[in-house]
Protein backbone atom coordinates (compact mmCIF):
# COMPACT_ATOMS: atom_id res chain seq x y z
CA UNK A 1 32.33 24.37 6.97
CA UNK A 2 29.59 26.59 7.78
CA UNK A 3 25.96 26.67 9.54
CA UNK A 4 24.34 25.29 6.32
CA UNK A 5 26.51 22.11 5.28
CA UNK A 6 27.63 21.30 9.11
CA UNK A 7 22.95 21.09 9.25
CA UNK A 8 22.10 19.41 6.10
CA UNK A 9 20.42 16.06 5.73
CA UNK A 10 21.51 13.78 3.02
CA UNK A 11 19.80 10.16 2.07
CA UNK A 12 21.97 8.16 1.08
CA UNK A 13 19.70 6.51 -1.38
CA UNK A 14 22.23 3.20 -2.31
CA UNK A 15 22.36 2.65 1.73
CA UNK A 16 18.49 1.81 1.56
CA UNK A 17 16.67 -0.94 1.53
CA UNK A 18 15.27 -1.99 -2.13
CA UNK A 19 11.55 -1.09 -2.83
CA UNK A 20 12.11 1.05 0.24
CA UNK A 21 9.33 2.58 1.65
CA UNK A 22 7.30 -0.64 1.12
CA UNK A 23 9.70 -3.50 1.46
CA UNK A 24 8.76 -4.94 4.75
CA UNK A 25 5.18 -6.29 3.51
CA UNK A 26 5.18 -9.19 1.07
CA UNK A 27 3.91 -8.45 -2.30
CA UNK A 28 1.21 -9.82 -1.93
CA UNK A 29 -0.10 -7.54 0.61
CA UNK A 30 0.53 -4.33 -1.77
CA UNK A 31 -1.40 -6.64 -4.81
CA UNK A 32 -4.35 -7.11 -2.57
CA UNK A 33 -3.99 -3.37 -1.15
CA UNK A 34 -3.91 -2.14 -4.76
CA UNK A 35 -7.16 -4.13 -5.84
CA UNK A 36 -9.24 -2.87 -3.03
CA UNK A 37 -8.51 0.77 -3.46
CA UNK A 38 -9.28 -0.41 -7.54
CA UNK A 39 -13.06 -1.33 -5.98
CA UNK A 40 -13.52 1.62 -4.36
CA UNK A 41 -12.48 3.64 -7.64
CA UNK A 42 -15.27 1.65 -9.24
CA UNK A 43 -17.81 2.41 -6.78
CA UNK A 44 -17.32 5.05 -7.06
CA UNK A 45 -17.35 5.39 -10.43
CA UNK A 46 -20.61 3.11 -10.41
CA UNK A 47 -22.33 6.23 -8.50
CA UNK A 48 -21.59 8.54 -10.95
CA UNK A 49 -23.29 6.34 -13.38
CA UNK A 50 -26.38 5.84 -10.85
CA UNK A 51 -26.84 9.70 -10.30
CA UNK A 52 -26.09 10.09 -14.46
CA UNK A 53 -29.05 7.63 -14.80
CA UNK A 54 -31.35 8.40 -12.20
CA UNK A 55 -31.00 12.24 -12.80
CA UNK A 56 -31.06 11.87 -16.60
CA UNK A 57 -34.76 9.51 -16.71
CA UNK A 58 -36.91 12.29 -14.68
CA UNK A 59 -39.88 13.92 -16.60
CA UNK A 60 -40.31 17.07 -16.82
CA UNK A 61 -43.06 19.65 -17.29
CA UNK A 62 -41.68 21.82 -20.37
CA UNK A 63 -42.09 24.58 -18.01
CA UNK A 64 -39.18 23.14 -15.27
CA UNK A 65 -36.94 22.15 -18.53
CA UNK A 66 -34.44 25.17 -18.87
CA UNK A 67 -33.84 25.14 -14.63
CA UNK A 68 -33.48 21.59 -13.98
CA UNK A 69 -31.06 21.13 -17.70
CA UNK A 70 -28.70 24.76 -15.74
CA UNK A 71 -28.93 22.72 -12.05
CA UNK A 72 -27.69 19.09 -14.18
CA UNK A 73 -24.70 19.83 -15.76
CA UNK A 74 -22.90 20.87 -12.41
CA UNK A 75 -24.25 17.77 -10.58
CA UNK A 76 -22.88 16.03 -13.20
CA UNK A 77 -19.30 17.60 -12.61
CA UNK A 78 -19.33 16.88 -9.06
CA UNK A 79 -20.24 13.11 -10.28
CA UNK A 80 -16.99 12.79 -11.49
CA UNK A 81 -15.42 14.77 -8.83
CA UNK A 82 -16.21 13.84 -5.61
CA UNK A 83 -14.97 11.56 -3.46
CA UNK A 84 -17.62 8.34 -1.77
CA UNK A 85 -19.23 9.72 1.10
CA UNK A 86 -20.58 13.08 -1.61
CA UNK A 87 -21.16 10.74 -3.74
CA UNK A 88 -23.49 8.14 -1.45
CA UNK A 89 -25.56 11.49 -0.73
CA UNK A 90 -26.10 12.34 -4.44
CA UNK A 91 -26.57 9.35 -5.65
CA UNK A 92 -28.84 9.38 -2.78
CA UNK A 93 -31.07 12.81 -3.63
CA UNK A 94 -31.16 11.22 -7.32
CA UNK A 95 -32.13 8.10 -6.79
CA UNK A 96 -34.94 9.74 -4.36
CA UNK A 97 -36.14 12.34 -6.14
CA UNK A 98 -36.46 10.47 -9.59
CA UNK A 99 -40.38 9.20 -9.72
CA UNK A 100 -39.72 6.04 -11.21
CA UNK A 101 -36.73 4.58 -8.81
CA UNK A 102 -36.96 0.68 -7.65
CA UNK A 103 -34.55 1.09 -5.17
CA UNK A 104 -35.34 -0.20 -1.61
CA UNK A 105 -33.73 0.91 1.52
CA UNK A 106 -31.87 3.65 -0.64
CA UNK A 107 -31.17 5.59 3.01
CA UNK A 108 -30.01 2.15 4.46
CA UNK A 109 -27.82 1.73 1.02
CA UNK A 110 -26.72 5.62 1.89
CA UNK A 111 -25.22 4.39 4.72
CA UNK A 112 -23.75 1.47 4.13
CA UNK A 113 -21.70 3.21 1.66
CA UNK A 114 -20.70 6.15 3.73
CA UNK A 115 -19.71 3.94 6.31
CA UNK A 116 -17.64 2.10 3.87
CA UNK A 117 -16.17 5.03 3.74
CA UNK A 118 -13.80 5.10 6.96
CA UNK A 119 -11.98 2.08 5.57
CA UNK A 120 -11.25 3.48 2.10
CA UNK A 121 -9.76 7.01 3.39
CA UNK A 122 -7.51 4.87 5.83
CA UNK A 123 -6.74 2.20 3.24
CA UNK A 124 -6.20 5.49 0.58
CA UNK A 125 -4.11 7.65 3.06
CA UNK A 126 -2.68 5.44 5.38
CA UNK A 127 0.85 4.60 6.16
CA UNK A 128 1.53 1.49 6.23
CA UNK A 129 3.90 0.49 9.29
CA UNK A 130 5.83 -2.92 9.52
CA UNK A 131 3.52 -5.82 9.94
CA UNK A 132 3.09 -8.36 12.91
CA UNK A 133 4.67 -12.09 12.63
CA UNK A 134 1.39 -12.39 11.60
CA UNK A 135 1.24 -10.35 8.52
CA UNK A 136 -1.33 -7.43 9.86
CA UNK A 137 0.40 -3.86 10.00
CA UNK A 138 -1.64 -1.00 11.64
CA UNK A 139 -1.17 2.20 9.15
CA UNK A 140 -0.57 5.55 10.63
CA UNK A 141 -4.06 7.43 10.18
CA UNK A 142 -5.30 10.06 12.06
CA UNK A 143 -8.97 11.40 11.01
CA UNK A 144 -10.61 15.02 11.53
CA UNK A 145 -11.87 14.79 14.32
CA UNK A 146 -8.69 13.07 15.81
CA UNK A 147 -9.27 9.38 16.08
CA UNK A 148 -6.60 7.15 15.06
CA UNK A 149 -7.18 4.20 13.41
CA UNK A 150 -5.91 1.33 15.54
CA UNK A 151 -6.81 -1.90 13.41
CA UNK A 152 -4.74 -4.63 12.29
CA UNK A 153 -4.98 -4.84 8.31
CA UNK A 154 -3.82 -8.42 6.26
CA UNK A 155 -4.14 -9.61 3.63
CA UNK A 156 -7.26 -11.78 4.67
CA UNK A 157 -9.07 -8.47 5.48
CA UNK A 158 -8.22 -6.41 2.72
CA UNK A 159 -10.20 -9.42 0.56
CA UNK A 160 -12.64 -9.44 2.32
CA UNK A 161 -13.46 -5.76 1.60
CA UNK A 162 -12.40 -6.05 -1.48
CA UNK A 163 -15.96 -8.26 -1.45
CA UNK A 164 -17.89 -6.60 0.69
């Protein structure tokens, strides 16, 4: 036997629990997690559409039209590709820059959406640990500032988030 054969790791997939690695949570937990994450995806889509609406309905003088059009395409591309934090910022800028905006407290709304990105990132990128006796789990998630997420999340919390 050579060194490569001795040091190899073998995963016996047939010995793993069914549905590994998601086997420790209930199907209801995974469904609600998926629905909650999907809600954030929907919010991102709506923000993109709002950016389109605010930027497409501005009035320009004839000498501003070409420059506005040239700036519009990259802005629309970002509305399709950006994630929630950047979409919130773009939405805020588009709403404030449109003189016909009637939305109140745009800054407060943008800050509320930015705060939501924290839990969105946990839900989307966390590694879900074994739930406690109440079905709550603390996902392994460390942000870019090296802050460790330490809140247990259960189905009720996920449902509350999706409705918020």
